[in-house]
Every structure is written in structure tokens, then in C-alpha cells.
Protein backbone atom coordinates (compact mmCIF):
# COMPACT_ATOMS: atom_id res chain seq x y z
CA MET A 1 -13.72 -9.76 32.55
CA ALA A 2 -14.61 -6.54 30.72
CA PHE A 3 -12.09 -4.66 28.62
CA LYS A 4 -11.06 -1.90 31.03
CA GLN A 5 -9.32 0.56 28.74
CA LYS A 6 -10.95 3.45 26.87
CA ASP A 7 -8.74 2.90 23.81
CA LEU A 8 -6.66 0.20 22.16
CA LEU A 9 -3.40 1.93 21.30
CA SER A 10 -0.81 -0.74 22.14
CA LEU A 11 -0.52 -4.27 23.46
CA ARG A 12 2.41 -3.35 25.71
CA ASN A 13 0.26 -2.76 28.80
CA VAL A 14 -2.85 -4.82 28.01
CA GLU A 15 -3.38 -7.48 30.68
CA ARG A 16 -3.59 -11.18 29.93
CA GLU A 17 -7.24 -11.32 31.05
CA GLU A 18 -8.12 -8.48 28.67
CA ILE A 19 -6.48 -10.24 25.73
CA GLU A 20 -8.35 -13.41 26.65
CA THR A 21 -11.60 -11.41 26.71
CA ILE A 22 -10.93 -10.03 23.21
CA LEU A 23 -10.07 -13.47 21.81
CA SER A 24 -13.04 -15.22 23.42
CA THR A 25 -15.40 -12.49 22.18
CA ALA A 26 -13.93 -12.85 18.68
CA ALA A 27 -14.59 -16.59 18.83
CA ALA A 28 -18.23 -15.84 19.65
CA MET A 29 -18.44 -13.37 16.74
CA ARG A 30 -16.76 -15.62 14.18
CA PRO A 31 -19.86 -17.77 13.28
CA LEU A 32 -21.67 -14.62 12.11
CA LEU A 33 -19.32 -14.43 9.13
CA ASP A 34 -20.69 -17.75 7.84
CA SER A 35 -24.27 -16.60 8.26
CA PRO A 36 -26.22 -15.69 5.10
CA THR A 37 -27.51 -12.47 6.71
CA LYS A 38 -24.32 -11.26 8.48
CA LYS A 39 -26.22 -8.82 10.67
CA THR A 40 -26.43 -8.28 14.40
CA ALA A 41 -27.57 -5.34 16.54
CA HIS A 42 -24.55 -5.25 18.86
CA LEU A 43 -23.58 -1.71 17.73
CA GLN A 44 -27.05 -0.36 16.95
CA GLY A 45 -26.98 3.40 17.57
CA LYS A 46 -23.16 3.61 17.63
CA SER A 47 -20.90 5.33 15.10
CA VAL A 48 -17.47 4.25 13.83
CA VAL A 49 -15.11 6.36 11.71
CA THR A 50 -12.02 4.97 10.00
CA LEU A 51 -9.43 7.74 9.68
CA PHE A 52 -6.58 6.59 7.46
CA TYR A 53 -3.54 8.72 6.65
CA GLU A 54 -1.94 5.73 4.86
CA ASN A 55 -3.28 3.44 2.17
CA SER A 56 -4.85 0.20 3.34
CA THR A 57 -7.10 -2.48 1.95
CA ARG A 58 -7.50 -5.35 4.39
CA THR A 59 -7.35 -3.45 7.67
CA ARG A 60 -9.65 -0.61 6.65
CA THR A 61 -12.15 -2.89 4.90
CA SER A 62 -12.27 -5.34 7.80
CA PHE A 63 -13.06 -2.53 10.25
CA GLU A 64 -15.74 -1.13 7.95
CA LEU A 65 -17.36 -4.54 7.45
CA ALA A 66 -17.13 -5.31 11.16
CA SER A 67 -19.00 -2.11 12.03
CA LYS A 68 -21.65 -2.65 9.35
CA TYR A 69 -22.21 -6.29 10.27
CA MET A 70 -22.95 -5.06 13.81
CA SER A 71 -25.35 -2.30 12.64
CA ALA A 72 -23.18 0.72 13.44
CA ALA A 73 -23.23 3.90 11.41
CA SER A 74 -19.84 3.95 9.69
CA ALA A 75 -17.81 6.42 7.67
CA ASN A 76 -14.38 6.35 6.08
CA ILE A 77 -12.07 9.37 5.89
CA ALA A 78 -8.99 9.24 3.68
CA ALA A 79 -6.54 12.01 4.53
CA SER A 80 -5.78 12.55 0.84
CA ALA A 81 -9.38 13.63 0.25
CA SER A 82 -10.10 15.48 3.49
CA SER A 83 -9.47 18.85 5.13
CA VAL A 84 -6.01 17.59 6.05
CA LYS A 85 -5.03 18.84 2.60
CA LYS A 86 -6.11 22.31 3.74
CA GLY A 87 -3.86 22.20 6.78
CA GLU A 88 -6.25 20.73 9.35
CA THR A 89 -4.29 19.08 12.18
CA LEU A 90 -4.90 15.63 13.61
CA ILE A 91 -6.27 17.16 16.81
CA ASP A 92 -8.60 19.43 14.79
CA THR A 93 -9.91 16.43 12.87
CA GLY A 94 -10.39 14.43 16.06
CA ARG A 95 -12.31 17.20 17.80
CA THR A 96 -14.52 17.64 14.75
CA LEU A 97 -15.37 13.94 14.76
CA ASP A 98 -15.97 14.11 18.50
CA ALA A 99 -18.42 16.97 18.03
CA MET A 100 -20.31 14.82 15.52
CA GLY A 101 -20.92 12.20 18.21
CA THR A 102 -18.45 9.60 16.94
CA ASP A 103 -18.10 6.67 19.34
CA ILE A 104 -14.96 5.03 17.89
CA ILE A 105 -12.18 6.42 15.72
CA VAL A 106 -9.97 3.86 13.98
CA ILE A 107 -6.76 5.56 12.89
CA ARG A 108 -3.78 4.59 10.75
CA HIS A 109 -0.98 7.14 10.59
CA PRO A 110 2.61 7.22 9.26
CA MET A 111 3.87 8.90 12.45
CA SER A 112 4.55 6.72 15.50
CA GLY A 113 2.50 7.89 18.47
CA ALA A 114 -0.24 9.65 16.45
CA PRO A 115 -3.08 7.48 17.88
CA HIS A 116 -1.85 8.20 21.42
CA LEU A 117 -1.94 11.95 20.72
CA LEU A 118 -5.44 11.70 19.25
CA ALA A 119 -6.74 9.70 22.21
CA GLN A 120 -5.68 12.46 24.60
CA HIS A 121 -7.92 15.00 22.87
CA VAL A 122 -11.14 13.10 22.12
CA ASN A 123 -13.89 11.44 24.10
CA ALA A 124 -14.31 8.76 21.44
CA ALA A 125 -12.53 5.45 21.87
CA VAL A 126 -9.45 5.30 19.63
CA ILE A 127 -8.16 2.13 17.98
CA ASN A 128 -4.63 2.09 16.59
CA ALA A 129 -4.71 0.51 13.12
CA GLY A 130 -0.97 1.03 12.66
CA ASP A 131 1.27 3.97 13.55
CA GLY A 132 4.60 4.40 11.81
CA ILE A 133 7.01 1.65 12.84
CA ASN A 134 5.53 1.49 16.32
CA GLU A 135 2.59 -0.93 16.66
CA HIS A 136 -0.37 -2.58 14.94
CA PRO A 137 -2.24 -4.17 17.86
CA THR A 138 -5.31 -5.45 16.01
CA GLN A 139 -3.12 -7.33 13.53
CA ALA A 140 -1.30 -9.04 16.38
CA LEU A 141 -4.62 -9.91 18.02
CA LEU A 142 -5.88 -11.59 14.85
CA ASP A 143 -2.58 -13.47 14.62
CA MET A 144 -3.07 -14.69 18.20
CA PHE A 145 -6.71 -15.51 17.49
CA THR A 146 -5.67 -17.68 14.54
CA MET A 147 -3.10 -19.45 16.72
CA MET A 148 -5.73 -20.05 19.40
CA GLN A 149 -8.19 -21.46 16.87
CA HIS A 150 -5.63 -24.05 15.76
CA LYS A 151 -3.62 -24.73 18.90
CA GLY A 152 -6.23 -24.14 21.60
CA HIS A 153 -3.83 -22.06 23.69
CA LEU A 154 -0.91 -19.63 23.48
CA ASN A 155 0.92 -20.41 26.70
CA GLY A 156 4.12 -22.34 25.94
CA LEU A 157 3.91 -22.03 22.16
CA LYS A 158 7.11 -21.17 20.28
CA VAL A 159 6.47 -18.47 17.68
CA ALA A 160 9.27 -17.65 15.24
CA ILE A 161 9.09 -14.25 13.55
CA LEU A 162 11.31 -13.80 10.49
CA GLY A 163 12.21 -10.71 8.49
CA ASP A 164 12.26 -6.94 8.80
CA VAL A 165 11.80 -6.63 12.56
CA THR A 166 13.15 -3.06 12.72
CA HIS A 167 10.38 -1.57 10.58
CA SER A 168 7.57 -3.97 11.53
CA ARG A 169 4.82 -2.62 13.77
CA VAL A 170 3.15 -6.04 13.55
CA ALA A 171 6.24 -7.68 15.04
CA ARG A 172 6.28 -5.30 18.02
CA SER A 173 2.62 -5.84 18.86
CA ASN A 174 3.04 -9.61 18.53
CA ILE A 175 6.06 -9.55 20.82
CA PHE A 176 4.13 -7.67 23.53
CA GLY A 177 0.95 -9.72 23.19
CA LEU A 178 2.55 -13.16 22.89
CA HIS A 179 4.90 -12.49 25.79
CA THR A 180 1.91 -11.50 27.95
CA MET A 181 0.14 -14.73 26.96
CA GLY A 182 3.12 -16.90 27.90
CA ALA A 183 4.43 -17.76 24.44
CA GLU A 184 8.12 -17.98 23.54
CA VAL A 185 9.10 -15.59 20.75
CA ALA A 186 12.14 -16.11 18.50
CA LEU A 187 13.22 -13.37 16.09
CA CYS A 188 15.40 -13.85 13.02
CA ALA A 189 16.74 -11.11 10.77
CA PRO A 190 20.00 -9.79 9.38
CA PRO A 191 21.71 -7.47 11.90
CA THR A 192 20.69 -4.42 9.84
CA LEU A 193 17.00 -5.30 10.29
CA MET A 194 17.13 -6.28 13.97
CA PRO A 195 16.70 -3.52 16.60
CA VAL A 196 19.28 -3.47 19.38
CA GLN A 197 18.54 -4.87 22.83
CA MET A 198 15.50 -6.88 21.70
CA GLU A 199 16.37 -9.52 24.33
CA GLU A 200 15.21 -7.01 26.95
CA LEU A 201 11.66 -7.64 25.72
CA GLY A 202 11.96 -11.30 26.66
CA VAL A 203 12.61 -12.68 23.16
CA LYS A 204 15.47 -14.65 21.63
CA THR A 205 17.24 -13.37 18.52
CA TYR A 206 18.93 -15.32 15.73
CA THR A 207 20.67 -14.66 12.42
CA ARG A 208 20.01 -18.15 10.98
CA VAL A 209 16.46 -19.12 10.01
CA GLU A 210 17.03 -22.79 10.80
CA GLU A 211 17.99 -22.02 14.40
CA ALA A 212 15.09 -19.61 14.90
CA ILE A 213 12.35 -22.00 13.70
CA GLU A 214 13.75 -25.16 15.30
CA GLY A 215 10.75 -26.75 17.04
CA ALA A 216 8.48 -23.76 16.34
CA ASP A 217 4.69 -24.11 16.64
CA VAL A 218 4.12 -21.01 14.49
CA VAL A 219 6.32 -19.40 11.82
CA MET A 220 5.54 -15.81 10.84
CA ASN A 221 7.20 -14.28 7.79
CA LEU A 222 7.34 -10.47 7.83
CA ARG A 223 7.12 -8.19 4.81
CA ILE A 224 10.25 -6.32 3.78
CA GLN A 225 9.12 -2.74 4.36
CA LEU A 226 11.09 -0.98 1.65
CA GLU A 227 8.90 2.13 1.89
CA ARG A 228 9.98 2.70 5.50
CA GLN A 229 13.69 2.11 4.97
CA GLN A 230 15.83 5.21 4.49
CA GLU A 231 18.67 3.24 2.92
CA GLY A 232 19.43 -0.27 1.71
CA ASN A 233 19.78 -2.68 4.60
CA PHE A 234 20.75 -5.67 2.46
CA PRO A 235 22.39 -6.09 -0.96
CA SER A 236 19.34 -7.37 -2.86
CA LEU A 237 16.04 -9.20 -2.41
CA ARG A 238 17.58 -12.19 -4.17
CA GLU A 239 20.40 -12.42 -1.65
CA TYR A 240 18.03 -11.77 1.24
CA SER A 241 15.78 -14.60 0.06
CA GLU A 242 18.75 -16.96 -0.18
CA PHE A 243 19.74 -16.47 3.45
CA PHE A 244 16.51 -15.44 5.19
CA GLY A 245 13.62 -16.51 2.96
CA LEU A 246 11.22 -19.18 4.20
CA ASN A 247 11.03 -22.23 1.94
CA GLU A 248 9.89 -25.83 2.17
CA GLU A 249 13.31 -27.11 3.19
CA ARG A 250 13.72 -24.63 6.03
CA LEU A 251 10.16 -25.19 7.24
CA LYS A 252 11.12 -28.80 8.07
CA TYR A 253 12.98 -27.47 11.12
CA ALA A 254 9.67 -26.39 12.65
CA LYS A 255 7.17 -28.84 14.12
CA PRO A 256 5.29 -30.91 11.52
CA ASP A 257 2.01 -29.17 12.41
CA ALA A 258 3.48 -25.66 12.61
CA LEU A 259 1.25 -22.86 11.36
CA VAL A 260 2.60 -20.54 8.68
CA ILE A 261 1.57 -16.88 8.78
CA ASP A 262 2.75 -14.46 6.11
CA ARG A 263 2.75 -10.66 5.94
CA LYS A 264 2.69 -10.40 2.11
CA SER A 265 6.39 -11.14 1.87
CA VAL A 266 8.11 -10.91 -1.50
CA VAL A 267 10.62 -13.55 -0.43
CA PHE A 268 8.01 -16.15 0.46
CA SER A 269 8.30 -19.46 -1.39
CA SER A 270 5.12 -20.49 -3.23
CA ASP A 271 5.51 -24.07 -2.04
CA VAL A 272 5.16 -22.78 1.54
CA ALA A 273 2.41 -20.28 0.75
CA ASP A 274 0.22 -23.05 -0.65
CA CYS A 275 1.03 -25.74 1.90
CA GLU A 276 -1.56 -27.19 4.28
CA GLN A 277 0.05 -25.41 7.22
CA SER A 278 -0.54 -21.96 5.73
CA VAL A 279 -3.34 -19.92 7.34
CA ILE A 280 -2.90 -16.80 5.20
CA ARG A 281 -6.45 -16.74 3.78
CA GLU A 282 -8.04 -17.80 7.05
CA GLN A 283 -6.59 -14.72 8.69
CA VAL A 284 -8.79 -12.45 6.60
CA SER A 285 -11.88 -13.86 8.32
CA SER A 286 -10.12 -13.82 11.67
CA GLY A 287 -9.41 -10.12 11.19
CA VAL A 288 -13.08 -9.24 10.82
CA ALA A 289 -14.05 -11.29 13.88
CA VAL A 290 -11.35 -9.72 16.06
CA ARG A 291 -12.31 -6.21 14.99
CA MET A 292 -15.98 -6.96 15.65
CA ALA A 293 -15.00 -8.04 19.14
CA LEU A 294 -13.01 -4.85 19.77
CA LEU A 295 -15.73 -2.54 18.50
CA TYR A 296 -18.23 -4.29 20.75
CA LEU A 297 -16.04 -4.25 23.85
CA LEU A 298 -15.08 -0.58 23.46
CA THR A 299 -18.70 0.52 23.14
CA ARG A 300 -20.08 -1.41 26.09
CA LYS A 301 -21.82 0.69 28.73
CA GLY A 302 -19.42 1.88 31.37
CA VAL A 303 -16.27 1.52 29.28
CA LYS A 304 -16.10 5.14 28.23
């Protein structure tokens, strides 16, 4: 099945077959990263622009490498060094890039909904690389890809997501994507970091880590997003870590072969970060493969 959508803005309405297509294509792309040449002609003649209004290292670099490995012409625009400083609007920037013949615009923006606005005004395919506290669909796809690589399937898996759910765009995209793929999602956070009515999305919520990760196949530890919090939502990181941090003792409640995924958490125990179940470093490679797959699928003839 081909990827039917012009853009990838959210995982909320992406069909199961489309997610399967992305993940299977990523699996086919993954061996290229171990090749000494790392070059394919899949995107020969195409152009990719990364347009980042927020700082990023892994996401931006993985998109840039993915496009270059596939022979696309690529360019990076940082808002801090662009005409945005002169007052140019997002729509102005998008139309300028469109006029230059850009095929794909990868955007990260601090305002929720910015990629959706951009997509309405350009012919280029738009990929959401994170918008405010809304979504980060490619990060969720690489999380699911990693799970697939280890577990062979997503249907029926229990995935426990711990931490700052309120401000996590990664959590939202994972909830949408994993629910579509038939996984069970358990969320755990203090009440101040848990959005209301999350159960309406088909997930279970907990305030005790041990209950949330009981029998889990995957445990994901979210980063505490202090830069997006308007006020303190917990007394201190030390107290948060005591009650909600993931450590070796708590991990025993999950299945013995549970995967551990971390979002650069400051309350993540080193004994867990370095354990055999951790796939933190592996995800870097997974991210490039998933983004290669998306760039390829969105530039296939007939998609746009």
C-alpha cells in the first residue's frame, strides 16, 4: 500500500496500513546505514529543506543525513539566521521555498499547529518534526520501528509511558500510533503532568510507576520539559525522581525482556540506561531509516 497523504503532520488519522508501509520501508532502508558508501538514488532530482524554528540536533541531523544518503539536494534553514528576523511570516517563507521548487519541507516550530498551517499554503510535502506540545510523529514512528525490530509486532504489546505527558509531543504521537497498531498504552505521571480525560484516547492512566509498568513489553521514560512549563508542576527533580523515576528496582515489574526507551530524562537511573534492555543508542540509527522511508514515500510519483 502506498502512503496516501500529501503530508505527515500527525499520526492521529494515519491508517494502520500506512504505518505498516512506513515501517516496512524503513526496514528495507536500514541496511544502507551499515554500507560503506551510504548512497542510493531514491531521491535523485528531489529537494528537501529543513526549516527549524527551535534548536535540534538529532532530529534535524537525521533528516539531513537521510536526504543526502538518498541523493536529494538538501538545505537547512534556522529561523534565528533567516528572514524571519526581518518579520517574514511562516506562510511567506513557505511560499518562497515553494517557488524555489522544494519538494519536501521538514518543519519544527514552537507553536502547535504551525506545520498544518504551512501545509495549507504550499505544494511541497510537509513533515512535522515537532510542533509546540502537540505532536512529533516521526519520533513516534522510530519508536514503533525499534519496537518492531525487537518484538516483531506491535499488536497486543503493552507500552508504558512515564513522565511529563502534558508537555510531551512525543507521547501524543505514540499514543495515536500505538493505539492504531493495536498496542495497549499505559501512562504514568503526577496529576499536574497528566492531561485530563486521557482515557478517552483509549489509554490507561496511573500515578504509581510500579502499577503502570506491571507486565510491560516496552517502558518509555519521557523528558521533563522544563522549558515548556509555565510554573513548577512538582516540588523538585529530586522528589520527582523518588516517586516517578525509572530505576533498576522498578524495572523488575516489567517483563524480563522489556525494552527501555528514554527521551533524555534527567531522572533516569544510570543502571537502567546502561542495561541490556536499553535501546537508546539504537534509536539514533532507527531515526535515520524511518526518515529515509518517509522522504521516499512522500516523493513517489502520484503522491503529490
